[in-house]
N, C-alpha and C. Protein backbone atom coordinates (compact mmCIF):
# COMPACT_ATOMS: atom_id res chain seq x y z
N UNK A 1 -13.05 -7.49 -4.57
CA UNK A 1 -11.91 -7.56 -5.46
C UNK A 1 -12.11 -8.62 -6.54
N UNK A 2 -12.82 -9.66 -6.22
CA UNK A 2 -13.11 -10.68 -7.22
C UNK A 2 -13.91 -10.11 -8.37
N UNK A 3 -14.88 -9.27 -8.06
CA UNK A 3 -15.69 -8.63 -9.11
C UNK A 3 -14.83 -7.67 -9.94
N UNK A 4 -13.88 -7.00 -9.28
CA UNK A 4 -12.98 -6.10 -10.02
C UNK A 4 -12.17 -6.89 -11.04
N UNK A 5 -11.78 -8.08 -10.66
CA UNK A 5 -11.00 -8.91 -11.59
C UNK A 5 -11.86 -9.34 -12.77
N UNK A 6 -13.07 -9.78 -12.48
CA UNK A 6 -13.97 -10.22 -13.54
C UNK A 6 -14.24 -9.09 -14.54
N UNK A 7 -14.38 -7.87 -14.02
CA UNK A 7 -14.72 -6.72 -14.86
C UNK A 7 -13.51 -5.87 -15.26
N UNK A 8 -12.30 -6.35 -14.96
CA UNK A 8 -11.06 -5.63 -15.30
C UNK A 8 -11.07 -4.19 -14.79
N UNK A 9 -11.62 -3.98 -13.60
CA UNK A 9 -11.68 -2.64 -13.03
C UNK A 9 -10.49 -2.43 -12.10
N UNK A 10 -9.36 -2.07 -12.70
CA UNK A 10 -8.11 -1.93 -11.97
C UNK A 10 -8.15 -0.78 -10.98
N UNK A 11 -8.72 0.34 -11.39
CA UNK A 11 -8.74 1.52 -10.51
C UNK A 11 -9.54 1.25 -9.24
N UNK A 12 -10.70 0.63 -9.38
CA UNK A 12 -11.51 0.34 -8.20
C UNK A 12 -10.82 -0.72 -7.34
N UNK A 13 -10.16 -1.68 -7.97
CA UNK A 13 -9.42 -2.71 -7.23
C UNK A 13 -8.34 -2.07 -6.37
N UNK A 14 -7.63 -1.11 -6.92
CA UNK A 14 -6.58 -0.40 -6.16
C UNK A 14 -7.21 0.33 -4.98
N UNK A 15 -8.31 1.01 -5.22
CA UNK A 15 -9.02 1.75 -4.18
C UNK A 15 -9.46 0.80 -3.05
N UNK A 16 -10.07 -0.33 -3.42
CA UNK A 16 -10.57 -1.29 -2.43
C UNK A 16 -9.41 -1.91 -1.65
N UNK A 17 -8.35 -2.30 -2.34
CA UNK A 17 -7.22 -2.92 -1.63
C UNK A 17 -6.59 -1.93 -0.65
N UNK A 18 -6.52 -0.64 -1.02
CA UNK A 18 -6.01 0.37 -0.10
C UNK A 18 -6.88 0.47 1.14
N UNK A 19 -8.19 0.43 0.95
CA UNK A 19 -9.12 0.48 2.09
C UNK A 19 -8.94 -0.73 3.01
N UNK A 20 -8.82 -1.90 2.40
CA UNK A 20 -8.64 -3.12 3.19
C UNK A 20 -7.35 -3.04 4.00
N UNK A 21 -6.27 -2.59 3.37
CA UNK A 21 -5.00 -2.50 4.07
C UNK A 21 -5.02 -1.43 5.16
N UNK A 22 -5.82 -0.39 4.96
CA UNK A 22 -5.96 0.64 5.99
C UNK A 22 -6.67 0.07 7.22
N UNK A 23 -7.68 -0.77 6.98
CA UNK A 23 -8.43 -1.37 8.08
C UNK A 23 -7.68 -2.54 8.72
N UNK A 24 -7.00 -3.32 7.88
CA UNK A 24 -6.29 -4.51 8.35
C UNK A 24 -4.90 -4.56 7.72
N UNK A 25 -3.93 -3.83 8.29
CA UNK A 25 -2.60 -3.76 7.68
C UNK A 25 -1.89 -5.11 7.51
N UNK A 26 -2.25 -6.09 8.33
CA UNK A 26 -1.59 -7.40 8.24
C UNK A 26 -2.25 -8.32 7.20
N UNK A 27 -3.38 -7.91 6.67
CA UNK A 27 -4.12 -8.73 5.70
C UNK A 27 -3.54 -8.49 4.31
N UNK A 28 -2.67 -9.38 3.88
CA UNK A 28 -2.02 -9.21 2.58
C UNK A 28 -2.82 -9.85 1.44
N UNK A 29 -3.95 -10.47 1.75
CA UNK A 29 -4.73 -11.09 0.68
C UNK A 29 -5.19 -10.04 -0.34
N UNK A 30 -5.43 -8.83 0.12
CA UNK A 30 -5.82 -7.76 -0.81
C UNK A 30 -4.70 -7.47 -1.80
N UNK A 31 -3.46 -7.53 -1.33
CA UNK A 31 -2.32 -7.30 -2.22
C UNK A 31 -2.17 -8.44 -3.22
N UNK A 32 -2.38 -9.65 -2.77
CA UNK A 32 -2.29 -10.81 -3.67
C UNK A 32 -3.34 -10.69 -4.77
N UNK A 33 -4.57 -10.35 -4.39
CA UNK A 33 -5.63 -10.19 -5.39
C UNK A 33 -5.34 -9.02 -6.33
N UNK A 34 -4.83 -7.93 -5.80
CA UNK A 34 -4.49 -6.78 -6.65
C UNK A 34 -3.39 -7.16 -7.64
N UNK A 35 -2.40 -7.89 -7.17
CA UNK A 35 -1.33 -8.37 -8.05
C UNK A 35 -1.90 -9.22 -9.18
N UNK A 36 -2.84 -10.10 -8.85
CA UNK A 36 -3.46 -10.96 -9.86
C UNK A 36 -4.28 -10.14 -10.86
N UNK A 37 -4.94 -9.10 -10.38
CA UNK A 37 -5.72 -8.23 -11.28
C UNK A 37 -4.79 -7.51 -12.24
N UNK A 38 -3.68 -6.99 -11.73
CA UNK A 38 -2.71 -6.33 -12.61
C UNK A 38 -2.20 -7.32 -13.67
N UNK A 39 -1.92 -8.54 -13.26
CA UNK A 39 -1.43 -9.54 -14.21
C UNK A 39 -2.49 -9.87 -15.26
N UNK A 40 -3.74 -9.97 -14.83
CA UNK A 40 -4.83 -10.33 -15.74
C UNK A 40 -5.02 -9.30 -16.85
N UNK A 41 -4.70 -8.02 -16.57
CA UNK A 41 -4.86 -6.98 -17.59
C UNK A 41 -3.53 -6.61 -18.24
N UNK A 42 -2.48 -7.38 -17.92
CA UNK A 42 -1.18 -7.17 -18.57
C UNK A 42 -0.36 -6.03 -18.02
N UNK A 43 -0.64 -5.58 -16.82
CA UNK A 43 0.14 -4.51 -16.19
C UNK A 43 1.25 -5.16 -15.35
N UNK A 44 2.27 -5.66 -16.06
CA UNK A 44 3.30 -6.47 -15.43
C UNK A 44 4.18 -5.67 -14.48
N UNK A 45 4.45 -4.40 -14.79
CA UNK A 45 5.26 -3.57 -13.88
C UNK A 45 4.52 -3.34 -12.57
N UNK A 46 3.22 -3.07 -12.65
CA UNK A 46 2.42 -2.89 -11.44
C UNK A 46 2.35 -4.19 -10.64
N UNK A 47 2.20 -5.31 -11.35
CA UNK A 47 2.18 -6.60 -10.67
C UNK A 47 3.48 -6.81 -9.91
N UNK A 48 4.62 -6.53 -10.57
CA UNK A 48 5.92 -6.72 -9.94
C UNK A 48 6.07 -5.82 -8.71
N UNK A 49 5.58 -4.60 -8.81
CA UNK A 49 5.67 -3.65 -7.69
C UNK A 49 4.87 -4.17 -6.49
N UNK A 50 3.66 -4.67 -6.73
CA UNK A 50 2.83 -5.19 -5.65
C UNK A 50 3.44 -6.47 -5.09
N UNK A 51 3.97 -7.33 -5.95
CA UNK A 51 4.61 -8.56 -5.48
C UNK A 51 5.81 -8.24 -4.58
N UNK A 52 6.53 -7.18 -4.93
CA UNK A 52 7.66 -6.76 -4.10
C UNK A 52 7.17 -6.32 -2.72
N UNK A 53 6.04 -5.62 -2.68
CA UNK A 53 5.44 -5.23 -1.41
C UNK A 53 5.07 -6.47 -0.59
N UNK A 54 4.54 -7.46 -1.26
CA UNK A 54 4.15 -8.71 -0.59
C UNK A 54 5.39 -9.38 -0.02
N UNK A 55 6.45 -9.46 -0.84
CA UNK A 55 7.70 -10.09 -0.39
C UNK A 55 8.28 -9.36 0.82
N UNK A 56 8.21 -8.03 0.80
CA UNK A 56 8.73 -7.23 1.92
C UNK A 56 7.98 -7.53 3.22
N UNK A 57 6.74 -7.96 3.10
CA UNK A 57 5.94 -8.30 4.28
C UNK A 57 6.18 -9.74 4.72
N UNK A 58 7.02 -10.47 3.98
CA UNK A 58 7.36 -11.83 4.37
C UNK A 58 6.33 -12.88 4.02
N UNK A 59 5.42 -12.56 3.12
CA UNK A 59 4.38 -13.52 2.74
C UNK A 59 4.93 -14.46 1.68
N UNK A 60 4.74 -15.74 1.87
CA UNK A 60 5.18 -16.75 0.91
C UNK A 60 3.96 -17.44 0.33
N UNK A 61 3.94 -17.55 -0.98
CA UNK A 61 2.83 -18.23 -1.65
C UNK A 61 3.07 -19.73 -1.59
N UNK A 62 2.04 -20.45 -1.15
CA UNK A 62 2.14 -21.90 -1.11
C UNK A 62 1.77 -22.47 -2.47
N UNK A 63 2.43 -23.53 -2.84
CA UNK A 63 2.17 -24.20 -4.10
C UNK A 63 0.79 -24.85 -4.06
N UNK A 64 -0.01 -24.56 -5.07
CA UNK A 64 -1.33 -25.17 -5.16
C UNK A 64 -1.22 -26.64 -5.51
N UNK A 65 -2.01 -27.45 -4.85
CA UNK A 65 -2.00 -28.88 -5.09
C UNK A 65 -3.42 -29.39 -5.24
N UNK A 66 -3.54 -30.49 -5.97
CA UNK A 66 -4.82 -31.17 -6.10
C UNK A 66 -4.61 -32.63 -5.71
N UNK A 67 -5.59 -33.19 -5.04
CA UNK A 67 -5.50 -34.57 -4.58
C UNK A 67 -6.65 -35.38 -5.16
N UNK A 68 -6.36 -36.66 -5.34
CA UNK A 68 -7.39 -37.59 -5.78
C UNK A 68 -7.14 -38.92 -5.07
N UNK A 69 -8.23 -39.54 -4.64
CA UNK A 69 -8.12 -40.84 -4.00
C UNK A 69 -8.47 -41.91 -5.03
N UNK A 70 -7.61 -42.91 -5.12
CA UNK A 70 -7.81 -44.01 -6.06
C UNK A 70 -7.37 -45.29 -5.38
N UNK A 71 -8.23 -46.28 -5.36
CA UNK A 71 -7.93 -47.56 -4.70
C UNK A 71 -7.45 -47.37 -3.26
N UNK A 72 -8.15 -46.52 -2.52
CA UNK A 72 -7.85 -46.24 -1.12
C UNK A 72 -6.47 -45.63 -0.89
N UNK A 73 -5.91 -45.02 -1.91
CA UNK A 73 -4.62 -44.33 -1.77
C UNK A 73 -4.79 -42.90 -2.26
N UNK A 74 -4.19 -41.96 -1.54
CA UNK A 74 -4.29 -40.55 -1.89
C UNK A 74 -3.09 -40.15 -2.74
N UNK A 75 -3.37 -39.53 -3.88
CA UNK A 75 -2.33 -39.04 -4.78
C UNK A 75 -2.42 -37.52 -4.84
N UNK A 76 -1.27 -36.85 -4.76
CA UNK A 76 -1.22 -35.40 -4.78
C UNK A 76 -0.46 -34.94 -6.01
N UNK A 77 -0.98 -33.88 -6.65
CA UNK A 77 -0.37 -33.34 -7.85
C UNK A 77 -0.19 -31.83 -7.70
N UNK A 78 0.87 -31.33 -8.30
CA UNK A 78 1.11 -29.88 -8.37
C UNK A 78 1.27 -29.52 -9.85
N UNK A 79 1.10 -28.24 -10.15
CA UNK A 79 1.23 -27.80 -11.54
C UNK A 79 2.61 -28.17 -12.07
N UNK A 80 2.65 -28.66 -13.30
CA UNK A 80 3.90 -29.09 -13.94
C UNK A 80 4.60 -30.19 -13.17
N UNK A 81 3.84 -30.99 -12.44
CA UNK A 81 4.39 -32.07 -11.63
C UNK A 81 5.16 -33.04 -12.54
N UNK A 82 6.39 -33.31 -12.19
CA UNK A 82 7.20 -34.23 -12.98
C UNK A 82 7.64 -35.43 -12.15
N UNK A 83 7.21 -35.52 -10.91
CA UNK A 83 7.70 -36.55 -10.00
C UNK A 83 6.86 -37.83 -9.98
N UNK A 84 5.63 -37.75 -10.46
CA UNK A 84 4.78 -38.93 -10.41
C UNK A 84 5.35 -40.01 -11.33
N UNK A 85 5.39 -41.26 -10.87
CA UNK A 85 5.98 -42.33 -11.70
C UNK A 85 5.24 -42.58 -13.01
N UNK A 86 3.99 -42.14 -13.12
CA UNK A 86 3.22 -42.34 -14.35
C UNK A 86 3.01 -41.02 -15.10
N UNK A 87 3.88 -40.05 -14.91
CA UNK A 87 3.65 -38.72 -15.47
C UNK A 87 3.59 -38.74 -17.00
N UNK A 88 4.37 -39.59 -17.65
CA UNK A 88 4.32 -39.65 -19.11
C UNK A 88 2.95 -40.11 -19.60
N UNK A 89 2.39 -41.10 -18.93
CA UNK A 89 1.07 -41.60 -19.29
C UNK A 89 -0.01 -40.55 -19.00
N UNK A 90 0.15 -39.84 -17.90
CA UNK A 90 -0.80 -38.79 -17.54
C UNK A 90 -0.76 -37.68 -18.58
N UNK A 91 0.43 -37.26 -18.99
CA UNK A 91 0.55 -36.22 -20.02
C UNK A 91 -0.05 -36.69 -21.35
N UNK A 92 0.16 -37.96 -21.69
CA UNK A 92 -0.41 -38.49 -22.93
C UNK A 92 -1.94 -38.45 -22.88
N UNK A 93 -2.50 -38.78 -21.72
CA UNK A 93 -3.96 -38.74 -21.56
C UNK A 93 -4.47 -37.31 -21.63
N UNK A 94 -3.76 -36.37 -21.02
CA UNK A 94 -4.14 -34.96 -21.10
C UNK A 94 -4.11 -34.46 -22.54
N UNK A 95 -3.11 -34.86 -23.28
CA UNK A 95 -3.02 -34.45 -24.69
C UNK A 95 -4.20 -35.02 -25.47
N UNK A 96 -4.53 -36.28 -25.24
CA UNK A 96 -5.66 -36.91 -25.93
C UNK A 96 -6.97 -36.18 -25.59
N UNK A 97 -7.17 -35.90 -24.31
CA UNK A 97 -8.39 -35.22 -23.89
C UNK A 97 -8.45 -33.79 -24.43
N UNK A 98 -7.32 -33.10 -24.46
CA UNK A 98 -7.28 -31.73 -24.99
C UNK A 98 -7.67 -31.69 -26.46
N UNK A 99 -7.17 -32.67 -27.21
CA UNK A 99 -7.52 -32.73 -28.63
C UNK A 99 -9.01 -32.98 -28.82
N UNK A 100 -9.57 -33.86 -28.02
CA UNK A 100 -11.02 -34.13 -28.09
C UNK A 100 -11.83 -32.88 -27.74
N UNK A 101 -11.41 -32.17 -26.72
CA UNK A 101 -12.13 -30.96 -26.30
C UNK A 101 -12.06 -29.88 -27.37
N UNK A 102 -10.90 -29.71 -27.99
CA UNK A 102 -10.76 -28.71 -29.06
C UNK A 102 -11.67 -29.05 -30.24
N UNK A 103 -11.71 -30.34 -30.59
CA UNK A 103 -12.58 -30.76 -31.70
C UNK A 103 -14.05 -30.49 -31.38
N UNK A 104 -14.38 -30.52 -30.08
CA UNK A 104 -15.75 -30.26 -29.66
C UNK A 104 -16.04 -28.77 -29.51
N UNK A 105 -15.01 -27.93 -29.75
CA UNK A 105 -15.23 -26.49 -29.71
C UNK A 105 -14.68 -25.77 -28.49
N UNK A 106 -13.99 -26.48 -27.62
CA UNK A 106 -13.43 -25.85 -26.42
C UNK A 106 -12.30 -24.90 -26.79
N UNK A 107 -12.33 -23.72 -26.19
CA UNK A 107 -11.26 -22.74 -26.34
C UNK A 107 -10.75 -22.41 -24.94
N UNK A 108 -9.47 -22.65 -24.65
CA UNK A 108 -8.96 -22.38 -23.30
C UNK A 108 -9.09 -20.90 -22.94
N UNK A 109 -9.52 -20.63 -21.71
CA UNK A 109 -9.63 -19.26 -21.21
C UNK A 109 -8.32 -18.90 -20.53
N UNK A 110 -7.46 -18.20 -21.25
CA UNK A 110 -6.12 -17.90 -20.76
C UNK A 110 -6.07 -16.62 -19.92
N UNK A 111 -7.21 -15.98 -19.70
CA UNK A 111 -7.21 -14.73 -18.93
C UNK A 111 -6.69 -14.91 -17.51
N UNK A 112 -6.81 -16.10 -16.98
CA UNK A 112 -6.41 -16.30 -15.60
C UNK A 112 -5.05 -16.97 -15.45
N UNK A 113 -4.30 -17.08 -16.54
CA UNK A 113 -2.91 -17.48 -16.46
C UNK A 113 -2.14 -16.19 -16.21
N UNK A 114 -1.62 -16.06 -15.02
CA UNK A 114 -1.09 -14.78 -14.56
C UNK A 114 0.42 -14.68 -14.74
N UNK A 115 0.90 -15.14 -15.87
CA UNK A 115 2.31 -15.06 -16.20
C UNK A 115 2.46 -14.30 -17.51
N UNK A 116 3.55 -13.58 -17.63
CA UNK A 116 3.82 -12.80 -18.84
C UNK A 116 4.53 -13.70 -19.85
N UNK A 117 3.75 -14.56 -20.50
CA UNK A 117 4.29 -15.51 -21.48
C UNK A 117 3.41 -15.49 -22.72
N UNK A 118 3.89 -16.11 -23.78
CA UNK A 118 3.14 -16.18 -25.04
C UNK A 118 1.86 -16.99 -24.86
N UNK A 119 0.89 -16.76 -25.74
CA UNK A 119 -0.42 -17.41 -25.65
C UNK A 119 -0.30 -18.94 -25.63
N UNK A 120 0.56 -19.50 -26.46
CA UNK A 120 0.70 -20.96 -26.52
C UNK A 120 1.19 -21.49 -25.17
N UNK A 121 2.12 -20.77 -24.53
CA UNK A 121 2.61 -21.20 -23.22
C UNK A 121 1.51 -21.11 -22.17
N UNK A 122 0.64 -20.11 -22.29
CA UNK A 122 -0.49 -20.00 -21.36
C UNK A 122 -1.41 -21.21 -21.50
N UNK A 123 -1.66 -21.62 -22.73
CA UNK A 123 -2.52 -22.79 -22.96
C UNK A 123 -1.87 -24.05 -22.39
N UNK A 124 -0.56 -24.17 -22.53
CA UNK A 124 0.16 -25.33 -21.98
C UNK A 124 0.07 -25.31 -20.46
N UNK A 125 0.21 -24.12 -19.86
CA UNK A 125 0.10 -24.01 -18.39
C UNK A 125 -1.26 -24.48 -17.91
N UNK A 126 -2.31 -24.11 -18.65
CA UNK A 126 -3.65 -24.55 -18.27
C UNK A 126 -3.78 -26.06 -18.40
N UNK A 127 -3.17 -26.62 -19.42
CA UNK A 127 -3.29 -28.05 -19.68
C UNK A 127 -2.67 -28.88 -18.56
N UNK A 128 -1.58 -28.39 -17.98
CA UNK A 128 -0.87 -29.16 -16.96
C UNK A 128 -1.13 -28.66 -15.54
N UNK A 129 -2.30 -28.04 -15.35
CA UNK A 129 -2.70 -27.60 -14.03
C UNK A 129 -2.91 -28.83 -13.14
N UNK A 130 -2.67 -28.66 -11.85
CA UNK A 130 -2.72 -29.80 -10.93
C UNK A 130 -4.06 -30.54 -10.96
N UNK A 131 -5.16 -29.80 -11.13
CA UNK A 131 -6.47 -30.45 -11.16
C UNK A 131 -6.60 -31.36 -12.37
N UNK A 132 -6.08 -30.90 -13.51
CA UNK A 132 -6.16 -31.72 -14.72
C UNK A 132 -5.25 -32.93 -14.63
N UNK A 133 -4.09 -32.77 -14.01
CA UNK A 133 -3.20 -33.92 -13.82
C UNK A 133 -3.89 -34.99 -12.97
N UNK A 134 -4.57 -34.54 -11.91
CA UNK A 134 -5.25 -35.49 -11.02
C UNK A 134 -6.37 -36.23 -11.74
N UNK A 135 -7.14 -35.49 -12.54
CA UNK A 135 -8.25 -36.12 -13.27
C UNK A 135 -7.73 -37.10 -14.32
N UNK A 136 -6.69 -36.72 -15.04
CA UNK A 136 -6.14 -37.60 -16.07
C UNK A 136 -5.55 -38.86 -15.49
N UNK A 137 -5.08 -38.77 -14.24
CA UNK A 137 -4.52 -39.93 -13.56
C UNK A 137 -5.58 -41.02 -13.43
């Protein structure tokens, strides 16, 4: 399914996820990946349909987090984290780094932002990903 996502092969992804579910009905990871593939190619109605199937099975998505150890203390960050006491400074550092990367020719790869939002919002989502928050800290 990972290769299907890379190659935008939605039909084969559907076929493979059906096979996986036939063999392992409790394995919902195939549905999660299929939902992500639909989102990556902009098939939002199909994504919503698969997500509804996932919800009906009682699967809950856990929030992704990134951790970093600094001065023998562990710090945890989540996407769009607003609770860290230094979040303003972290955001300022991310903005500074983003500007430097753009000047160097970096173009954000928004294909893997799996939300139906405008391009600028996708770039912002990438900028405030938990891994980037941890590194900027």
